[in-house]
Amino acid sequence: MLTIPLYSFLFIYFIFLAIFVAFSIMNFYHVVMTASFTFASFIITFFIFTLTVLTLYFTYTLLVNVDWQTTTTVINPGWFGNSGPENF
């Protein structure tokens, strides 16, 4: 039986967040360096920032009470019937 703890999914989520933050910083740097200070760029940047904060908040409220030491079964030979070596 192959099991993995839930915190491995949390690490994958943190890696995704790090990549997202890197792209967000590059986007903000691009807006500043190209002097694209228009009302439209402000509205879009504000909209993306607001959605990001709301997503992080709701993710936190959903995941705060999770027991991250719980294991998840990835592969269980019993799922494939009684064809294991112990049945011969």
PDB file of N, CA and C in Angstrom:
ATOM      1  N   MET A   1       0.845  -1.166   0.000  1.00  0.00           N
ATOM      2  CA  MET A   1       0.000   0.000   0.000  1.00  0.00           C
ATOM      3  C   MET A   1       0.902   1.244   0.000  1.00  0.00           C
ATOM      4  N   LEU A   2       0.631   2.146  -0.898  1.00  0.00           N
ATOM      5  CA  LEU A   2       1.407   3.378  -0.998  1.00  0.00           C
ATOM      6  C   LEU A   2       0.600   4.525  -0.414  1.00  0.00           C
ATOM      7  N   THR A   3       1.101   5.112   0.661  1.00  0.00           N
ATOM      8  CA  THR A   3       0.421   6.237   1.300  1.00  0.00           C
ATOM      9  C   THR A   3       1.373   7.418   1.390  1.00  0.00           C
ATOM     10  N   ILE A   4       0.797   8.605   1.322  1.00  0.00           N
ATOM     11  CA  ILE A   4       1.575   9.830   1.488  1.00  0.00           C
ATOM     12  C   ILE A   4       0.838  10.733   2.469  1.00  0.00           C
ATOM     13  N   PRO A   5       1.563  11.512   3.268  1.00  0.00           N
ATOM     14  CA  PRO A   5       0.889  12.424   4.204  1.00  0.00           C
ATOM     15  C   PRO A   5       0.304  13.631   3.468  1.00  0.00           C
ATOM     16  N   LEU A   6      -0.706  14.224   4.075  1.00  0.00           N
ATOM     17  CA  LEU A   6      -1.360  15.370   3.453  1.00  0.00           C
ATOM     18  C   LEU A   6      -0.437  16.574   3.315  1.00  0.00           C
ATOM     19  N   TYR A   7       0.555  16.694   4.198  1.00  0.00           N
ATOM     20  CA  TYR A   7       1.417  17.874   4.116  1.00  0.00           C
ATOM     21  C   TYR A   7       2.238  17.910   2.833  1.00  0.00           C
ATOM     22  N   SER A   8       2.365  16.799   2.131  1.00  0.00           N
ATOM     23  CA  SER A   8       3.047  16.834   0.834  1.00  0.00           C
ATOM     24  C   SER A   8       2.243  17.654  -0.175  1.00  0.00           C
ATOM     25  N   PHE A   9       0.906  17.577  -0.090  1.00  0.00           N
ATOM     26  CA  PHE A   9       0.073  18.424  -0.947  1.00  0.00           C
ATOM     27  C   PHE A   9       0.213  19.896  -0.555  1.00  0.00           C
ATOM     28  N   LEU A  10       0.410  20.150   0.732  1.00  0.00           N
ATOM     29  CA  LEU A  10       0.614  21.519   1.191  1.00  0.00           C
ATOM     30  C   LEU A  10       1.918  22.092   0.640  1.00  0.00           C
ATOM     31  N   PHE A  11       2.971  21.270   0.575  1.00  0.00           N
ATOM     32  CA  PHE A  11       4.231  21.725  -0.008  1.00  0.00           C
ATOM     33  C   PHE A  11       4.064  22.047  -1.493  1.00  0.00           C
ATOM     34  N   ILE A  12       3.298  21.225  -2.199  1.00  0.00           N
ATOM     35  CA  ILE A  12       3.028  21.497  -3.618  1.00  0.00           C
ATOM     36  C   ILE A  12       2.278  22.820  -3.758  1.00  0.00           C
ATOM     37  N   TYR A  13       1.330  23.063  -2.862  1.00  0.00           N
ATOM     38  CA  TYR A  13       0.589  24.331  -2.872  1.00  0.00           C
ATOM     39  C   TYR A  13       1.523  25.510  -2.606  1.00  0.00           C
ATOM     40  N   PHE A  14       2.464  25.354  -1.671  1.00  0.00           N
ATOM     41  CA  PHE A  14       3.423  26.429  -1.388  1.00  0.00           C
ATOM     42  C   PHE A  14       4.332  26.702  -2.588  1.00  0.00           C
ATOM     43  N   ILE A  15       4.715  25.655  -3.295  1.00  0.00           N
ATOM     44  CA  ILE A  15       5.529  25.857  -4.506  1.00  0.00           C
ATOM     45  C   ILE A  15       4.729  26.633  -5.546  1.00  0.00           C
ATOM     46  N   PHE A  16       3.447  26.275  -5.719  1.00  0.00           N
ATOM     47  CA  PHE A  16       2.583  27.025  -6.624  1.00  0.00           C
ATOM     48  C   PHE A  16       2.481  28.483  -6.200  1.00  0.00           C
ATOM     49  N   LEU A  17       2.322  28.735  -4.899  1.00  0.00           N
ATOM     50  CA  LEU A  17       2.238  30.114  -4.416  1.00  0.00           C
ATOM     51  C   LEU A  17       3.526  30.884  -4.676  1.00  0.00           C
ATOM     52  N   ALA A  18       4.666  30.235  -4.516  1.00  0.00           N
ATOM     53  CA  ALA A  18       5.947  30.904  -4.770  1.00  0.00           C
ATOM     54  C   ALA A  18       6.066  31.296  -6.247  1.00  0.00           C
ATOM     55  N   ILE A  19       5.650  30.406  -7.135  1.00  0.00           N
ATOM     56  CA  ILE A  19       5.681  30.726  -8.570  1.00  0.00           C
ATOM     57  C   ILE A  19       4.715  31.855  -8.874  1.00  0.00           C
ATOM     58  N   PHE A  20       3.524  31.830  -8.257  1.00  0.00           N
ATOM     59  CA  PHE A  20       2.541  32.888  -8.465  1.00  0.00           C
ATOM     60  C   PHE A  20       3.070  34.237  -7.984  1.00  0.00           C
ATOM     61  N   VAL A  21       3.725  34.248  -6.834  1.00  0.00           N
ATOM     62  CA  VAL A  21       4.291  35.497  -6.309  1.00  0.00           C
ATOM     63  C   VAL A  21       5.396  36.009  -7.235  1.00  0.00           C
ATOM     64  N   ALA A  22       6.209  35.118  -7.763  1.00  0.00           N
ATOM     65  CA  ALA A  22       7.269  35.542  -8.678  1.00  0.00           C
ATOM     66  C   ALA A  22       6.673  36.196  -9.927  1.00  0.00           C
ATOM     67  N   PHE A  23       5.640  35.576 -10.496  1.00  0.00           N
ATOM     68  CA  PHE A  23       4.992  36.180 -11.665  1.00  0.00           C
ATOM     69  C   PHE A  23       4.290  37.485 -11.319  1.00  0.00           C
ATOM     70  N   SER A  24       3.728  37.581 -10.135  1.00  0.00           N
ATOM     71  CA  SER A  24       3.079  38.834  -9.724  1.00  0.00           C
ATOM     72  C   SER A  24       4.093  39.958  -9.580  1.00  0.00           C
ATOM     73  N   ILE A  25       5.250  39.636  -9.025  1.00  0.00           N
ATOM     74  CA  ILE A  25       6.301  40.656  -8.888  1.00  0.00           C
ATOM     75  C   ILE A  25       6.795  41.095 -10.268  1.00  0.00           C
ATOM     76  N   MET A  26       6.968  40.130 -11.185  1.00  0.00           N
ATOM     77  CA  MET A  26       7.384  40.494 -12.545  1.00  0.00           C
ATOM     78  C   MET A  26       6.332  41.359 -13.229  1.00  0.00           C
ATOM     79  N   ASN A  27       5.063  41.059 -13.003  1.00  0.00           N
ATOM     80  CA  ASN A  27       3.986  41.856 -13.594  1.00  0.00           C
ATOM     81  C   ASN A  27       4.006  43.280 -13.050  1.00  0.00           C
ATOM     82  N   PHE A  28       4.128  43.422 -11.730  1.00  0.00           N
ATOM     83  CA  PHE A  28       4.168  44.757 -11.137  1.00  0.00           C
ATOM     84  C   PHE A  28       5.410  45.516 -11.590  1.00  0.00           C
ATOM     85  N   TYR A  29       6.541  44.831 -11.679  1.00  0.00           N
ATOM     86  CA  TYR A  29       7.772  45.453 -12.168  1.00  0.00           C
ATOM     87  C   TYR A  29       7.588  45.947 -13.611  1.00  0.00           C
ATOM     88  N   HIS A  30       6.913  45.137 -14.430  1.00  0.00           N
ATOM     89  CA  HIS A  30       6.667  45.528 -15.819  1.00  0.00           C
ATOM     90  C   HIS A  30       5.783  46.767 -15.892  1.00  0.00           C
ATOM     91  N   VAL A  31       4.762  46.838 -15.059  1.00  0.00           N
ATOM     92  CA  VAL A  31       3.878  48.012 -15.050  1.00  0.00           C
ATOM     93  C   VAL A  31       4.658  49.252 -14.641  1.00  0.00           C
ATOM     94  N   VAL A  32       5.522  49.128 -13.645  1.00  0.00           N
ATOM     95  CA  VAL A  32       6.288  50.287 -13.165  1.00  0.00           C
ATOM     96  C   VAL A  32       7.339  50.714 -14.178  1.00  0.00           C
ATOM     97  N   MET A  33       8.069  49.754 -14.746  1.00  0.00           N
ATOM     98  CA  MET A  33       9.162  50.106 -15.642  1.00  0.00           C
ATOM     99  C   MET A  33       8.686  50.618 -17.006  1.00  0.00           C
ATOM    100  N   THR A  34       7.526  50.194 -17.455  1.00  0.00           N
ATOM    101  CA  THR A  34       7.034  50.686 -18.744  1.00  0.00           C
ATOM    102  C   THR A  34       6.144  51.908 -18.582  1.00  0.00           C
ATOM    103  N   ALA A  35       5.995  52.365 -17.349  1.00  0.00           N
ATOM    104  CA  ALA A  35       5.189  53.544 -17.041  1.00  0.00           C
ATOM    105  C   ALA A  35       3.767  53.395 -17.572  1.00  0.00           C
ATOM    106  N   SER A  36       3.196  52.230 -17.352  1.00  0.00           N
ATOM    107  CA  SER A  36       1.822  51.957 -17.786  1.00  0.00           C
ATOM    108  C   SER A  36       0.837  52.309 -16.686  1.00  0.00           C
ATOM    109  N   PHE A  37       0.926  53.526 -16.208  1.00  0.00           N
ATOM    110  CA  PHE A  37       0.058  53.956 -15.112  1.00  0.00           C
ATOM    111  C   PHE A  37      -1.245  54.515 -15.677  1.00  0.00           C
ATOM    112  N   THR A  38      -2.022  53.660 -16.273  1.00  0.00           N
ATOM    113  CA  THR A  38      -3.328  54.070 -16.783  1.00  0.00           C
ATOM    114  C   THR A  38      -4.401  53.590 -15.819  1.00  0.00           C
ATOM    115  N   PHE A  39      -5.588  54.110 -15.996  1.00  0.00           N
ATOM    116  CA  PHE A  39      -6.695  53.698 -15.138  1.00  0.00           C
ATOM    117  C   PHE A  39      -7.015  52.218 -15.353  1.00  0.00           C
ATOM    118  N   ALA A  40      -6.935  51.763 -16.597  1.00  0.00           N
ATOM    119  CA  ALA A  40      -7.231  50.361 -16.901  1.00  0.00           C
ATOM    120  C   ALA A  40      -6.217  49.432 -16.234  1.00  0.00           C
ATOM    121  N   SER A  41      -4.935  49.769 -16.279  1.00  0.00           N
ATOM    122  CA  SER A  41      -3.927  48.913 -15.643  1.00  0.00           C
ATOM    123  C   SER A  41      -4.109  48.906 -14.130  1.00  0.00           C
ATOM    124  N   PHE A  42      -4.509  50.053 -13.567  1.00  0.00           N
ATOM    125  CA  PHE A  42      -4.774  50.105 -12.125  1.00  0.00           C
ATOM    126  C   PHE A  42      -5.953  49.209 -11.755  1.00  0.00           C
ATOM    127  N   ILE A  43      -7.031  49.280 -12.524  1.00  0.00           N
ATOM    128  CA  ILE A  43      -8.226  48.482 -12.228  1.00  0.00           C
ATOM    129  C   ILE A  43      -7.907  46.991 -12.337  1.00  0.00           C
ATOM    130  N   ILE A  44      -7.220  46.582 -13.387  1.00  0.00           N
ATOM    131  CA  ILE A  44      -6.892  45.165 -13.567  1.00  0.00           C
ATOM    132  C   ILE A  44      -5.956  44.680 -12.461  1.00  0.00           C
ATOM    133  N   THR A  45      -4.933  45.474 -12.129  1.00  0.00           N
ATOM    134  CA  THR A  45      -4.003  45.092 -11.065  1.00  0.00           C
ATOM    135  C   THR A  45      -4.723  45.003  -9.723  1.00  0.00           C
ATOM    136  N   PHE A  46      -5.583  45.952  -9.443  1.00  0.00           N
ATOM    137  CA  PHE A  46      -6.351  45.937  -8.203  1.00  0.00           C
ATOM    138  C   PHE A  46      -7.282  44.726  -8.160  1.00  0.00           C
ATOM    139  N   PHE A  47      -7.921  44.408  -9.281  1.00  0.00           N
ATOM    140  CA  PHE A  47      -8.820  43.258  -9.365  1.00  0.00           C
ATOM    141  C   PHE A  47      -8.072  41.957  -9.107  1.00  0.00           C
ATOM    142  N   ILE A  48      -6.907  41.788  -9.732  1.00  0.00           N
ATOM    143  CA  ILE A  48      -6.104  40.581  -9.536  1.00  0.00           C
ATOM    144  C   ILE A  48      -5.614  40.489  -8.089  1.00  0.00           C
ATOM    145  N   PHE A  49      -5.168  41.614  -7.533  1.00  0.00           N
ATOM    146  CA  PHE A  49      -4.703  41.625  -6.149  1.00  0.00           C
ATOM    147  C   PHE A  49      -5.836  41.264  -5.191  1.00  0.00           C
ATOM    148  N   THR A  50      -7.031  41.809  -5.414  1.00  0.00           N
ATOM    149  CA  THR A  50      -8.178  41.516  -4.562  1.00  0.00           C
ATOM    150  C   THR A  50      -8.564  40.045  -4.642  1.00  0.00           C
ATOM    151  N   LEU A  51      -8.597  39.493  -5.854  1.00  0.00           N
ATOM    152  CA  LEU A  51      -8.905  38.071  -5.999  1.00  0.00           C
ATOM    153  C   LEU A  51      -7.851  37.187  -5.332  1.00  0.00           C
ATOM    154  N   THR A  52      -6.603  37.601  -5.401  1.00  0.00           N
ATOM    155  CA  THR A  52      -5.535  36.844  -4.758  1.00  0.00           C
ATOM    156  C   THR A  52      -5.708  36.844  -3.244  1.00  0.00           C
ATOM    157  N   VAL A  53      -5.979  37.993  -2.669  1.00  0.00           N
ATOM    158  CA  VAL A  53      -6.158  38.083  -1.220  1.00  0.00           C
ATOM    159  C   VAL A  53      -7.379  37.282  -0.777  1.00  0.00           C
ATOM    160  N   LEU A  54      -8.479  37.392  -1.511  1.00  0.00           N
ATOM    161  CA  LEU A  54      -9.674  36.621  -1.165  1.00  0.00           C
ATOM    162  C   LEU A  54      -9.431  35.116  -1.287  1.00  0.00           C
ATOM    163  N   THR A  55      -8.725  34.694  -2.309  1.00  0.00           N
ATOM    164  CA  THR A  55      -8.415  33.278  -2.478  1.00  0.00           C
ATOM    165  C   THR A  55      -7.539  32.770  -1.336  1.00  0.00           C
ATOM    166  N   LEU A  56      -6.533  33.538  -0.963  1.00  0.00           N
ATOM    167  CA  LEU A  56      -5.668  33.131   0.152  1.00  0.00           C
ATOM    168  C   LEU A  56      -6.439  33.088   1.465  1.00  0.00           C
ATOM    169  N   TYR A  57      -7.328  34.042   1.678  1.00  0.00           N
ATOM    170  CA  TYR A  57      -8.127  34.055   2.903  1.00  0.00           C
ATOM    171  C   TYR A  57      -9.045  32.841   2.982  1.00  0.00           C
ATOM    172  N   PHE A  58      -9.773  32.562   1.901  1.00  0.00           N
ATOM    173  CA  PHE A  58     -10.692  31.428   1.921  1.00  0.00           C
ATOM    174  C   PHE A  58      -9.937  30.092   1.967  1.00  0.00           C
ATOM    175  N   THR A  59      -8.775  30.029   1.350  1.00  0.00           N
ATOM    176  CA  THR A  59      -7.953  28.828   1.457  1.00  0.00           C
ATOM    177  C   THR A  59      -7.509  28.624   2.903  1.00  0.00           C
ATOM    178  N   TYR A  60      -7.107  29.685   3.557  1.00  0.00           N
ATOM    179  CA  TYR A  60      -6.705  29.589   4.957  1.00  0.00           C
ATOM    180  C   TYR A  60      -7.866  29.128   5.837  1.00  0.00           C
ATOM    181  N   THR A  61      -9.050  29.706   5.640  1.00  0.00           N
ATOM    182  CA  THR A  61     -10.181  29.328   6.485  1.00  0.00           C
ATOM    183  C   THR A  61     -10.589  27.873   6.258  1.00  0.00           C
ATOM    184  N   LEU A  62     -10.403  27.354   5.057  1.00  0.00           N
ATOM    185  CA  LEU A  62     -10.736  25.960   4.794  1.00  0.00           C
ATOM    186  C   LEU A  62      -9.683  24.989   5.331  1.00  0.00           C
ATOM    187  N   LEU A  63      -8.430  25.393   5.332  1.00  0.00           N
ATOM    188  CA  LEU A  63      -7.348  24.470   5.666  1.00  0.00           C
ATOM    189  C   LEU A  63      -6.799  24.597   7.080  1.00  0.00           C
ATOM    190  N   VAL A  64      -7.308  25.544   7.853  1.00  0.00           N
ATOM    191  CA  VAL A  64      -6.722  25.790   9.173  1.00  0.00           C
ATOM    192  C   VAL A  64      -6.939  24.612  10.130  1.00  0.00           C
ATOM    193  N   ASN A  65      -8.035  23.880   9.996  1.00  0.00           N
ATOM    194  CA  ASN A  65      -8.326  22.794  10.935  1.00  0.00           C
ATOM    195  C   ASN A  65      -7.979  21.408  10.395  1.00  0.00           C
ATOM    196  N   VAL A  66      -7.210  21.338   9.341  1.00  0.00           N
ATOM    197  CA  VAL A  66      -6.847  20.057   8.744  1.00  0.00           C
ATOM    198  C   VAL A  66      -5.690  19.447   9.523  1.00  0.00           C
ATOM    199  N   ASP A  67      -5.782  18.146   9.811  1.00  0.00           N
ATOM    200  CA  ASP A  67      -4.679  17.416  10.431  1.00  0.00           C
ATOM    201  C   ASP A  67      -3.722  17.003   9.314  1.00  0.00           C
ATOM    202  N   TRP A  68      -2.612  17.691   9.200  1.00  0.00           N
ATOM    203  CA  TRP A  68      -1.694  17.492   8.086  1.00  0.00           C
ATOM    204  C   TRP A  68      -0.865  16.219   8.222  1.00  0.00           C
ATOM    205  N   GLN A  69      -0.942  15.533   9.372  1.00  0.00           N
ATOM    206  CA  GLN A  69      -0.228  14.274   9.556  1.00  0.00           C
ATOM    207  C   GLN A  69      -1.014  13.076   9.027  1.00  0.00           C
ATOM    208  N   THR A  70      -2.271  13.281   8.657  1.00  0.00           N
ATOM    209  CA  THR A  70      -3.099  12.200   8.127  1.00  0.00           C
ATOM    210  C   THR A  70      -2.528  11.721   6.799  1.00  0.00           C
ATOM    211  N   THR A  71      -2.530  10.404   6.608  1.00  0.00           N
ATOM    212  CA  THR A  71      -1.997   9.860   5.369  1.00  0.00           C
ATOM    213  C   THR A  71      -3.132   9.614   4.378  1.00  0.00           C
ATOM    214  N   THR A  72      -2.788   9.674   3.110  1.00  0.00           N
ATOM    215  CA  THR A  72      -3.713   9.423   2.014  1.00  0.00           C
ATOM    216  C   THR A  72      -3.211   8.214   1.240  1.00  0.00           C
ATOM    217  N   THR A  73      -4.098   7.285   0.981  1.00  0.00           N
ATOM    218  CA  THR A  73      -3.719   6.100   0.223  1.00  0.00           C
ATOM    219  C   THR A  73      -3.723   6.432  -1.260  1.00  0.00           C
ATOM    220  N   VAL A  74      -2.591   6.226  -1.894  1.00  0.00           N
ATOM    221  CA  VAL A  74      -2.465   6.497  -3.317  1.00  0.00           C
ATOM    222  C   VAL A  74      -2.741   5.232  -4.111  1.00  0.00           C
ATOM    223  N   ILE A  75      -2.096   4.143  -3.726  1.00  0.00           N
ATOM    224  CA  ILE A  75      -2.290   2.859  -4.405  1.00  0.00           C
ATOM    225  C   ILE A  75      -2.493   1.789  -3.344  1.00  0.00           C
ATOM    226  N   ASN A  76      -3.573   1.038  -3.482  1.00  0.00           N
ATOM    227  CA  ASN A  76      -3.850  -0.085  -2.608  1.00  0.00           C
ATOM    228  C   ASN A  76      -4.082  -1.304  -3.493  1.00  0.00           C
ATOM    229  N   PRO A  77      -3.254  -2.333  -3.390  1.00  0.00           N
ATOM    230  CA  PRO A  77      -3.432  -3.504  -4.258  1.00  0.00           C
ATOM    231  C   PRO A  77      -4.795  -4.159  -4.098  1.00  0.00           C
ATOM    232  N   GLY A  78      -5.452  -3.981  -2.974  1.00  0.00           N
ATOM    233  CA  GLY A  78      -6.773  -4.548  -2.768  1.00  0.00           C
ATOM    234  C   GLY A  78      -7.827  -3.960  -3.691  1.00  0.00           C
ATOM    235  N   TRP A  79      -7.551  -2.784  -4.245  1.00  0.00           N
ATOM    236  CA  TRP A  79      -8.504  -2.162  -5.167  1.00  0.00           C
ATOM    237  C   TRP A  79      -8.609  -2.937  -6.471  1.00  0.00           C
ATOM    238  N   PHE A  80      -7.600  -3.739  -6.776  1.00  0.00           N
ATOM    239  CA  PHE A  80      -7.549  -4.433  -8.059  1.00  0.00           C
ATOM    240  C   PHE A  80      -8.017  -5.880  -7.958  1.00  0.00           C
ATOM    241  N   GLY A  81      -8.730  -6.223  -6.902  1.00  0.00           N
ATOM    242  CA  GLY A  81      -9.256  -7.576  -6.755  1.00  0.00           C
ATOM    243  C   GLY A  81      -8.320  -8.455  -5.953  1.00  0.00           C
ATOM    244  N   ASN A  82      -8.581  -9.748  -5.994  1.00  0.00           N
ATOM    245  CA  ASN A  82      -7.805 -10.725  -5.231  1.00  0.00           C
ATOM    246  C   ASN A  82      -6.742 -11.381  -6.104  1.00  0.00           C
ATOM    247  N   SER A  83      -5.967 -10.586  -6.776  1.00  0.00           N
ATOM    248  CA  SER A  83      -4.943 -11.146  -7.670  1.00  0.00           C
ATOM    249  C   SER A  83      -3.542 -10.969  -7.109  1.00  0.00           C
ATOM    250  N   GLY A  84      -3.447 -10.679  -5.808  1.00  0.00           N
ATOM    251  CA  GLY A  84      -2.139 -10.461  -5.212  1.00  0.00           C
ATOM    252  C   GLY A  84      -1.390 -11.764  -5.006  1.00  0.00           C
ATOM    253  N   PRO A  85      -0.086 -11.687  -4.706  1.00  0.00           N
ATOM    254  CA  PRO A  85       0.738 -12.895  -4.533  1.00  0.00           C
ATOM    255  C   PRO A  85       0.325 -13.720  -3.323  1.00  0.00           C
ATOM    256  N   GLU A  86      -0.329 -13.101  -2.340  1.00  0.00           N
ATOM    257  CA  GLU A  86      -0.707 -13.857  -1.154  1.00  0.00           C
ATOM    258  C   GLU A  86      -1.904 -14.777  -1.406  1.00  0.00           C
ATOM    259  N   ASN A  87      -2.567 -14.651  -2.554  1.00  0.00           N
ATOM    260  CA  ASN A  87      -3.726 -15.486  -2.860  1.00  0.00           C
ATOM    261  C   ASN A  87      -3.375 -16.693  -3.730  1.00  0.00           C
ATOM    262  N   PHE A  88      -2.129 -16.937  -4.007  1.00  0.00           N
ATOM    263  CA  PHE A  88      -1.747 -18.101  -4.830  1.00  0.00           C
ATOM    264  C   PHE A  88      -1.481 -19.301  -3.974  1.00  0.00           C
TER     265      PHE A  88
END
